């Protein structure tokens, strides 16, 4: 009986060791899907992806969510988790994110000046309370004196993903989102977009950490996947999706 239990436990742990749970900021989900596929093909280890805003994922990790790694949209949240002893690696920048202005409305002039047009009723932006892309997006509007003028038109998405849904469904006429979204295979031919001047906002330093749970659950595989993200293969994929590589 004891032997059967030990065999069952061994099989169970072996299967479990073949997967990793990764918390992923919404802006990087398309690039991450390709990275995860490439890694699984190479290693045989399945990657389970949990996508949300960086702030929401941080709150879940604080409350004990069983994630092995965390890929954030900024450095603030990984640094916070490291300080709270919830991460075992110091936060490291895996990419710099870029902002774009994107619309699927053919009647809209896709430009900052065009945001003032009466045809633009709703402007989607990620919520700055939880999404770093929202913080920097509002900075761009503020720099050009547009934040107060347009604030009544702004609809905040909980994350980059929800912001994209607003734009894609025409619930918003135009929006500020991540360049990685419009560079993804499913979206690159949808609508019109322009890249916002990167000198108009702070560099979006996106950080990654291996979490305490990752050390406890599967440190070897967590570290292997972490290293794959920084390999030539992982960095090439991020660059393809419009990220600037450190």
C-alpha atoms as a PDB file:
ATOM      1  CA  UNK A   1       0.000   0.000   0.000  1.00  0.00           C
ATOM      2  CA  UNK A   2       2.790   2.423   0.983  1.00  0.00           C
ATOM      3  CA  UNK A   3       4.641   1.514  -2.213  1.00  0.00           C
ATOM      4  CA  UNK A   4       1.553   2.355  -4.312  1.00  0.00           C
ATOM      5  CA  UNK A   5       1.185   5.705  -2.553  1.00  0.00           C
ATOM      6  CA  UNK A   6       4.854   6.546  -3.193  1.00  0.00           C
ATOM      7  CA  UNK A   7       4.509   5.611  -6.865  1.00  0.00           C
ATOM      8  CA  UNK A   8       1.379   7.795  -7.165  1.00  0.00           C
ATOM      9  CA  UNK A   9       3.150  10.710  -5.518  1.00  0.00           C
ATOM     10  CA  UNK A  10       6.143  10.298  -7.835  1.00  0.00           C
ATOM     11  CA  UNK A  11       3.946  10.249 -10.935  1.00  0.00           C
ATOM     12  CA  UNK A  12       1.954  13.239  -9.680  1.00  0.00           C
ATOM     13  CA  UNK A  13       5.072  15.295  -8.914  1.00  0.00           C
ATOM     14  CA  UNK A  14       6.638  14.354 -12.267  1.00  0.00           C
ATOM     15  CA  UNK A  15       3.583  15.588 -14.155  1.00  0.00           C
ATOM     16  CA  UNK A  16       3.407  18.732 -12.051  1.00  0.00           C
ATOM     17  CA  UNK A  17       7.096  19.422 -12.624  1.00  0.00           C
ATOM     18  CA  UNK A  18       6.383  19.508 -16.355  1.00  0.00           C
ATOM     19  CA  UNK A  19       4.435  22.760 -16.073  1.00  0.00           C
ATOM     20  CA  UNK A  20       5.049  26.309 -14.926  1.00  0.00           C
ATOM     21  CA  UNK A  21       2.501  28.977 -14.040  1.00  0.00           C
ATOM     22  CA  UNK A  22       3.570  32.413 -15.242  1.00  0.00           C
ATOM     23  CA  UNK A  23       1.803  35.673 -14.355  1.00  0.00           C
ATOM     24  CA  UNK A  24       2.026  37.911 -17.424  1.00  0.00           C
ATOM     25  CA  UNK A  25       1.238  41.614 -17.820  1.00  0.00           C
ATOM     26  CA  UNK A  26      -1.436  42.118 -20.472  1.00  0.00           C
ATOM     27  CA  UNK A  27       0.773  44.113 -22.847  1.00  0.00           C
ATOM     28  CA  UNK A  28       3.199  41.237 -23.356  1.00  0.00           C
ATOM     29  CA  UNK A  29       0.732  38.359 -23.741  1.00  0.00           C
ATOM     30  CA  UNK A  30       1.078  38.013 -27.551  1.00  0.00           C
ATOM     31  CA  UNK A  31       4.874  37.940 -27.494  1.00  0.00           C
ATOM     32  CA  UNK A  32       4.776  35.706 -24.437  1.00  0.00           C
ATOM     33  CA  UNK A  33       2.541  33.153 -26.169  1.00  0.00           C
ATOM     34  CA  UNK A  34       5.196  32.749 -28.860  1.00  0.00           C
ATOM     35  CA  UNK A  35       7.988  32.553 -26.288  1.00  0.00           C
ATOM     36  CA  UNK A  36       6.067  29.928 -24.302  1.00  0.00           C
ATOM     37  CA  UNK A  37       5.395  27.843 -27.427  1.00  0.00           C
ATOM     38  CA  UNK A  38       9.065  27.939 -28.409  1.00  0.00           C
ATOM     39  CA  UNK A  39      10.142  26.970 -24.899  1.00  0.00           C
ATOM     40  CA  UNK A  40       7.673  24.097 -24.634  1.00  0.00           C
ATOM     41  CA  UNK A  41       8.868  22.767 -27.990  1.00  0.00           C
ATOM     42  CA  UNK A  42      12.455  22.891 -26.733  1.00  0.00           C
ATOM     43  CA  UNK A  43      11.948  21.594 -23.200  1.00  0.00           C
ATOM     44  CA  UNK A  44       8.639  19.710 -23.108  1.00  0.00           C
ATOM     45  CA  UNK A  45       7.586  21.864 -20.161  1.00  0.00           C
ATOM     46  CA  UNK A  46       4.072  23.295 -20.438  1.00  0.00           C
ATOM     47  CA  UNK A  47       3.595  26.986 -19.661  1.00  0.00           C
ATOM     48  CA  UNK A  48       0.309  28.001 -18.034  1.00  0.00           C
ATOM     49  CA  UNK A  49      -0.291  31.708 -18.598  1.00  0.00           C
ATOM     50  CA  UNK A  50      -2.252  33.995 -16.266  1.00  0.00           C
ATOM     51  CA  UNK A  51      -2.860  37.401 -17.872  1.00  0.00           C
ATOM     52  CA  UNK A  52      -3.992  40.603 -16.133  1.00  0.00           C
ATOM     53  CA  UNK A  53      -2.767  44.077 -15.254  1.00  0.00           C
ATOM     54  CA  UNK A  54       0.525  44.177 -13.365  1.00  0.00           C
ATOM     55  CA  UNK A  55      -1.167  45.693 -10.307  1.00  0.00           C
ATOM     56  CA  UNK A  56      -3.840  43.019 -10.184  1.00  0.00           C
ATOM     57  CA  UNK A  57      -1.298  40.211 -10.578  1.00  0.00           C
ATOM     58  CA  UNK A  58       0.824  41.692  -7.785  1.00  0.00           C
ATOM     59  CA  UNK A  59      -2.194  41.696  -5.465  1.00  0.00           C
ATOM     60  CA  UNK A  60      -2.887  38.049  -6.330  1.00  0.00           C
ATOM     61  CA  UNK A  61       0.736  37.098  -5.615  1.00  0.00           C
ATOM     62  CA  UNK A  62       0.557  38.865  -2.255  1.00  0.00           C
ATOM     63  CA  UNK A  63      -2.479  36.767  -1.419  1.00  0.00           C
ATOM     64  CA  UNK A  64      -0.703  33.513  -2.191  1.00  0.00           C
ATOM     65  CA  UNK A  65      -1.456  32.875  -5.861  1.00  0.00           C
ATOM     66  CA  UNK A  66       0.670  29.878  -6.970  1.00  0.00           C
ATOM     67  CA  UNK A  67       2.681  31.535  -9.752  1.00  0.00           C
ATOM     68  CA  UNK A  68       6.245  30.493 -10.544  1.00  0.00           C
ATOM     69  CA  UNK A  69       7.325  33.649 -12.388  1.00  0.00           C
ATOM     70  CA  UNK A  70       5.994  37.175 -12.888  1.00  0.00           C
ATOM     71  CA  UNK A  71       6.535  39.254 -16.046  1.00  0.00           C
ATOM     72  CA  UNK A  72       5.448  42.781 -15.196  1.00  0.00           C
ATOM     73  CA  UNK A  73       4.821  45.880 -17.296  1.00  0.00           C
ATOM     74  CA  UNK A  74       7.153  47.866 -15.063  1.00  0.00           C
ATOM     75  CA  UNK A  75       9.866  47.482 -12.412  1.00  0.00           C
ATOM     76  CA  UNK A  76       7.816  48.886  -9.536  1.00  0.00           C
ATOM     77  CA  UNK A  77       5.776  45.755  -8.846  1.00  0.00           C
ATOM     78  CA  UNK A  78       8.639  43.221  -9.145  1.00  0.00           C
ATOM     79  CA  UNK A  79      10.750  45.435  -6.861  1.00  0.00           C
ATOM     80  CA  UNK A  80       7.907  45.565  -4.361  1.00  0.00           C
ATOM     81  CA  UNK A  81       7.552  41.764  -4.367  1.00  0.00           C
ATOM     82  CA  UNK A  82      11.308  41.332  -3.958  1.00  0.00           C
ATOM     83  CA  UNK A  83      11.338  43.723  -0.997  1.00  0.00           C
ATOM     84  CA  UNK A  84       8.477  41.746   0.568  1.00  0.00           C
ATOM     85  CA  UNK A  85      10.471  38.533   0.181  1.00  0.00           C
ATOM     86  CA  UNK A  86       7.962  37.117  -2.292  1.00  0.00           C
ATOM     87  CA  UNK A  87      10.520  36.890  -5.124  1.00  0.00           C
ATOM     88  CA  UNK A  88      13.873  35.100  -5.063  1.00  0.00           C
ATOM     89  CA  UNK A  89      15.585  36.942  -7.928  1.00  0.00           C
ATOM     90  CA  UNK A  90      16.261  40.661  -8.123  1.00  0.00           C
ATOM     91  CA  UNK A  91      14.020  42.349 -10.696  1.00  0.00           C
ATOM     92  CA  UNK A  92      15.634  42.389 -14.122  1.00  0.00           C
ATOM     93  CA  UNK A  93      14.531  44.303 -17.221  1.00  0.00           C
ATOM     94  CA  UNK A  94      13.549  41.933 -20.023  1.00  0.00           C
ATOM     95  CA  UNK A  95      12.301  44.631 -22.429  1.00  0.00           C
ATOM     96  CA  UNK A  96      11.294  48.272 -22.840  1.00  0.00           C
ATOM     97  CA  UNK A  97       7.675  48.784 -23.905  1.00  0.00           C
ATOM     98  CA  UNK A  98       6.511  51.296 -26.506  1.00  0.00           C
ATOM     99  CA  UNK A  99       3.268  53.263 -26.779  1.00  0.00           C
ATOM    100  CA  UNK A 100       1.070  53.593 -29.846  1.00  0.00           C
ATOM    101  CA  UNK A 101      -2.134  55.386 -30.763  1.00  0.00           C
ATOM    102  CA  UNK A 102      -4.482  52.891 -32.450  1.00  0.00           C
ATOM    103  CA  UNK A 103      -7.903  53.072 -34.087  1.00  0.00           C
ATOM    104  CA  UNK A 104     -10.153  50.825 -36.152  1.00  0.00           C
ATOM    105  CA  UNK A 105     -12.364  53.756 -37.130  1.00  0.00           C
ATOM    106  CA  UNK A 106     -11.446  54.687 -40.717  1.00  0.00           C
ATOM    107  CA  UNK A 107     -12.929  58.175 -40.282  1.00  0.00           C
ATOM    108  CA  UNK A 108     -10.544  59.076 -37.459  1.00  0.00           C
ATOM    109  CA  UNK A 109      -7.298  60.969 -37.952  1.00  0.00           C
ATOM    110  CA  UNK A 110      -4.851  58.848 -35.948  1.00  0.00           C
ATOM    111  CA  UNK A 111      -2.718  61.547 -34.332  1.00  0.00           C
ATOM    112  CA  UNK A 112      -2.562  63.414 -31.041  1.00  0.00           C
ATOM    113  CA  UNK A 113      -4.062  66.449 -32.745  1.00  0.00           C
ATOM    114  CA  UNK A 114      -6.816  64.245 -34.135  1.00  0.00           C
ATOM    115  CA  UNK A 115      -7.931  63.358 -30.602  1.00  0.00           C
ATOM    116  CA  UNK A 116      -9.549  66.797 -30.384  1.00  0.00           C
ATOM    117  CA  UNK A 117     -11.822  66.064 -33.342  1.00  0.00           C
ATOM    118  CA  UNK A 118     -15.554  66.026 -32.535  1.00  0.00           C
ATOM    119  CA  UNK A 119     -15.819  62.626 -34.229  1.00  0.00           C
ATOM    120  CA  UNK A 120     -13.744  61.184 -31.381  1.00  0.00           C
ATOM    121  CA  UNK A 121     -16.235  60.433 -28.598  1.00  0.00           C
ATOM    122  CA  UNK A 122     -14.256  57.888 -26.549  1.00  0.00           C
ATOM    123  CA  UNK A 123     -10.508  57.429 -26.022  1.00  0.00           C
ATOM    124  CA  UNK A 124      -9.380  54.177 -24.393  1.00  0.00           C
ATOM    125  CA  UNK A 125      -6.359  54.118 -22.072  1.00  0.00           C
ATOM    126  CA  UNK A 126      -5.199  51.474 -19.565  1.00  0.00           C
ATOM    127  CA  UNK A 127      -6.041  52.389 -15.978  1.00  0.00           C
ATOM    128  CA  UNK A 128      -3.002  54.179 -14.501  1.00  0.00           C
ATOM    129  CA  UNK A 129      -3.855  52.772 -11.058  1.00  0.00           C
ATOM    130  CA  UNK A 130      -2.988  49.242 -12.162  1.00  0.00           C
ATOM    131  CA  UNK A 131      -1.356  49.454 -15.592  1.00  0.00           C
ATOM    132  CA  UNK A 132       2.015  51.206 -16.204  1.00  0.00           C
ATOM    133  CA  UNK A 133       1.080  51.845 -19.844  1.00  0.00           C
ATOM    134  CA  UNK A 134      -1.787  53.987 -18.578  1.00  0.00           C
ATOM    135  CA  UNK A 135       0.548  56.074 -16.421  1.00  0.00           C
ATOM    136  CA  UNK A 136       2.807  56.844 -19.364  1.00  0.00           C
ATOM    137  CA  UNK A 137      -0.107  57.324 -21.767  1.00  0.00           C
ATOM    138  CA  UNK A 138      -1.545  60.080 -19.578  1.00  0.00           C
ATOM    139  CA  UNK A 139       1.908  61.672 -19.394  1.00  0.00           C
ATOM    140  CA  UNK A 140       1.901  62.017 -23.163  1.00  0.00           C
ATOM    141  CA  UNK A 141      -1.503  63.700 -23.145  1.00  0.00           C
ATOM    142  CA  UNK A 142      -0.425  66.005 -20.316  1.00  0.00           C
ATOM    143  CA  UNK A 143       2.740  67.047 -22.152  1.00  0.00           C
ATOM    144  CA  UNK A 144       0.679  68.318 -25.076  1.00  0.00           C
ATOM    145  CA  UNK A 145      -1.953  69.957 -22.886  1.00  0.00           C
ATOM    146  CA  UNK A 146      -4.563  67.369 -23.836  1.00  0.00           C
ATOM    147  CA  UNK A 147      -5.174  65.571 -20.543  1.00  0.00           C
ATOM    148  CA  UNK A 148      -7.631  68.060 -19.009  1.00  0.00           C
ATOM    149  CA  UNK A 149      -9.152  68.919 -22.359  1.00  0.00           C
ATOM    150  CA  UNK A 150      -9.915  65.298 -23.244  1.00  0.00           C
ATOM    151  CA  UNK A 151     -10.433  63.739 -19.817  1.00  0.00           C
ATOM    152  CA  UNK A 152     -14.216  63.496 -20.217  1.00  0.00           C
ATOM    153  CA  UNK A 153     -13.669  61.349 -23.333  1.00  0.00           C
ATOM    154  CA  UNK A 154     -11.319  58.873 -21.667  1.00  0.00           C
ATOM    155  CA  UNK A 155     -12.479  55.367 -20.785  1.00  0.00           C
ATOM    156  CA  UNK A 156     -10.061  53.367 -18.663  1.00  0.00           C
ATOM    157  CA  UNK A 157      -9.449  49.696 -19.325  1.00  0.00           C
ATOM    158  CA  UNK A 158      -8.450  47.572 -16.350  1.00  0.00           C
ATOM    159  CA  UNK A 159      -5.433  46.419 -18.368  1.00  0.00           C
ATOM    160  CA  UNK A 160      -3.931  46.721 -21.834  1.00  0.00           C
ATOM    161  CA  UNK A 161      -6.097  43.742 -22.849  1.00  0.00           C
ATOM    162  CA  UNK A 162      -9.342  45.440 -21.875  1.00  0.00           C
ATOM    163  CA  UNK A 163      -8.199  48.670 -23.528  1.00  0.00           C
ATOM    164  CA  UNK A 164      -7.600  46.699 -26.725  1.00  0.00           C
ATOM    165  CA  UNK A 165     -11.096  45.229 -26.465  1.00  0.00           C
ATOM    166  CA  UNK A 166     -12.572  48.727 -26.273  1.00  0.00           C
ATOM    167  CA  UNK A 167     -10.670  49.768 -29.395  1.00  0.00           C
ATOM    168  CA  UNK A 168     -11.266  46.555 -31.337  1.00  0.00           C
ATOM    169  CA  UNK A 169     -15.003  46.444 -30.571  1.00  0.00           C
ATOM    170  CA  UNK A 170     -15.389  50.154 -31.491  1.00  0.00           C
ATOM    171  CA  UNK A 171     -16.556  50.896 -27.956  1.00  0.00           C
ATOM    172  CA  UNK A 172     -13.799  53.514 -28.138  1.00  0.00           C
ATOM    173  CA  UNK A 173     -12.939  55.420 -31.304  1.00  0.00           C
ATOM    174  CA  UNK A 174      -9.220  55.377 -30.598  1.00  0.00           C
ATOM    175  CA  UNK A 175      -6.850  54.486 -27.792  1.00  0.00           C
ATOM    176  CA  UNK A 176      -3.347  54.406 -26.389  1.00  0.00           C
ATOM    177  CA  UNK A 177      -1.952  50.899 -26.053  1.00  0.00           C
ATOM    178  CA  UNK A 178       1.204  48.798 -26.369  1.00  0.00           C
ATOM    179  CA  UNK A 179       3.080  48.525 -29.652  1.00  0.00           C
ATOM    180  CA  UNK A 180       3.334  44.775 -29.088  1.00  0.00           C
ATOM    181  CA  UNK A 181      -0.435  44.523 -29.620  1.00  0.00           C
ATOM    182  CA  UNK A 182      -0.525  46.067 -33.100  1.00  0.00           C
ATOM    183  CA  UNK A 183       2.569  44.055 -34.075  1.00  0.00           C
ATOM    184  CA  UNK A 184       0.932  40.744 -33.157  1.00  0.00           C
ATOM    185  CA  UNK A 185      -0.080  38.466 -36.081  1.00  0.00           C
ATOM    186  CA  UNK A 186      -3.802  38.780 -35.292  1.00  0.00           C
ATOM    187  CA  UNK A 187      -3.803  42.564 -35.089  1.00  0.00           C
ATOM    188  CA  UNK A 188      -1.056  43.910 -37.337  1.00  0.00           C
ATOM    189  CA  UNK A 189      -3.414  44.521 -40.279  1.00  0.00           C
ATOM    190  CA  UNK A 190      -6.292  45.843 -38.185  1.00  0.00           C
ATOM    191  CA  UNK A 191      -6.950  49.570 -38.340  1.00  0.00           C
ATOM    192  CA  UNK A 192      -4.356  52.337 -38.264  1.00  0.00           C
ATOM    193  CA  UNK A 193      -1.729  53.155 -35.660  1.00  0.00           C
ATOM    194  CA  UNK A 194       1.179  55.483 -35.033  1.00  0.00           C
ATOM    195  CA  UNK A 195       4.037  55.093 -32.602  1.00  0.00           C
ATOM    196  CA  UNK A 196       4.119  57.823 -29.981  1.00  0.00           C
ATOM    197  CA  UNK A 197       7.396  59.684 -29.560  1.00  0.00           C
ATOM    198  CA  UNK A 198       9.377  57.791 -26.922  1.00  0.00           C
ATOM    199  CA  UNK A 199      10.894  61.050 -25.692  1.00  0.00           C
ATOM    200  CA  UNK A 200       7.410  62.099 -24.535  1.00  0.00           C
ATOM    201  CA  UNK A 201       7.207  59.489 -21.772  1.00  0.00           C
ATOM    202  CA  UNK A 202       9.477  57.608 -19.402  1.00  0.00           C
ATOM    203  CA  UNK A 203      10.965  54.372 -20.762  1.00  0.00           C
ATOM    204  CA  UNK A 204       8.612  51.541 -19.835  1.00  0.00           C
ATOM    205  CA  UNK A 205      11.049  49.210 -18.117  1.00  0.00           C
ATOM    206  CA  UNK A 206       9.426  45.802 -17.923  1.00  0.00           C
ATOM    207  CA  UNK A 207      10.759  43.528 -15.192  1.00  0.00           C
ATOM    208  CA  UNK A 208      10.686  39.832 -14.382  1.00  0.00           C
ATOM    209  CA  UNK A 209      11.211  37.854 -11.179  1.00  0.00           C
ATOM    210  CA  UNK A 210      11.126  34.234 -10.116  1.00  0.00           C
ATOM    211  CA  UNK A 211       8.658  34.095  -7.273  1.00  0.00           C
ATOM    212  CA  UNK A 212       8.998  32.407  -3.903  1.00  0.00           C
ATOM    213  CA  UNK A 213       6.442  29.850  -5.035  1.00  0.00           C
ATOM    214  CA  UNK A 214       8.614  29.118  -8.077  1.00  0.00           C
ATOM    215  CA  UNK A 215      11.537  28.302  -5.799  1.00  0.00           C
ATOM    216  CA  UNK A 216       9.419  26.016  -3.649  1.00  0.00           C
ATOM    217  CA  UNK A 217       7.515  24.341  -6.476  1.00  0.00           C
ATOM    218  CA  UNK A 218       9.981  24.034  -9.311  1.00  0.00           C
ATOM    219  CA  UNK A 219      13.138  26.125  -9.013  1.00  0.00           C
ATOM    220  CA  UNK A 220      15.143  24.300 -11.706  1.00  0.00           C
ATOM    221  CA  UNK A 221      12.476  24.693 -14.401  1.00  0.00           C
ATOM    222  CA  UNK A 222      11.621  28.231 -13.278  1.00  0.00           C
ATOM    223  CA  UNK A 223      15.262  29.257 -13.688  1.00  0.00           C
ATOM    224  CA  UNK A 224      15.539  27.462 -17.025  1.00  0.00           C
ATOM    225  CA  UNK A 225      12.528  29.314 -18.438  1.00  0.00           C
ATOM    226  CA  UNK A 226      13.782  32.592 -16.938  1.00  0.00           C
ATOM    227  CA  UNK A 227      17.082  32.113 -18.780  1.00  0.00           C
ATOM    228  CA  UNK A 228      15.259  31.224 -22.002  1.00  0.00           C
ATOM    229  CA  UNK A 229      13.501  34.606 -21.970  1.00  0.00           C
ATOM    230  CA  UNK A 230      16.938  36.280 -21.957  1.00  0.00           C
ATOM    231  CA  UNK A 231      18.364  33.940 -24.574  1.00  0.00           C
ATOM    232  CA  UNK A 232      18.779  34.978 -28.212  1.00  0.00           C
ATOM    233  CA  UNK A 233      15.556  33.109 -29.044  1.00  0.00           C
ATOM    234  CA  UNK A 234      13.485  34.849 -26.363  1.00  0.00           C
ATOM    235  CA  UNK A 235      14.893  38.297 -27.030  1.00  0.00           C
ATOM    236  CA  UNK A 236      14.399  37.901 -30.785  1.00  0.00           C
ATOM    237  CA  UNK A 237      10.689  37.241 -30.244  1.00  0.00           C
ATOM    238  CA  UNK A 238      10.315  40.282 -27.971  1.00  0.00           C
ATOM    239  CA  UNK A 239      12.067  42.470 -30.544  1.00  0.00           C
ATOM    240  CA  UNK A 240       9.757  41.168 -33.281  1.00  0.00           C
ATOM    241  CA  UNK A 241       6.783  42.420 -31.277  1.00  0.00           C
ATOM    242  CA  UNK A 242       8.129  45.959 -31.095  1.00  0.00           C
ATOM    243  CA  UNK A 243       9.925  45.886 -27.764  1.00  0.00           C
ATOM    244  CA  UNK A 244      13.318  47.494 -27.302  1.00  0.00           C
ATOM    245  CA  UNK A 245      15.768  44.956 -25.915  1.00  0.00           C
ATOM    246  CA  UNK A 246      18.003  45.970 -22.976  1.00  0.00           C
END
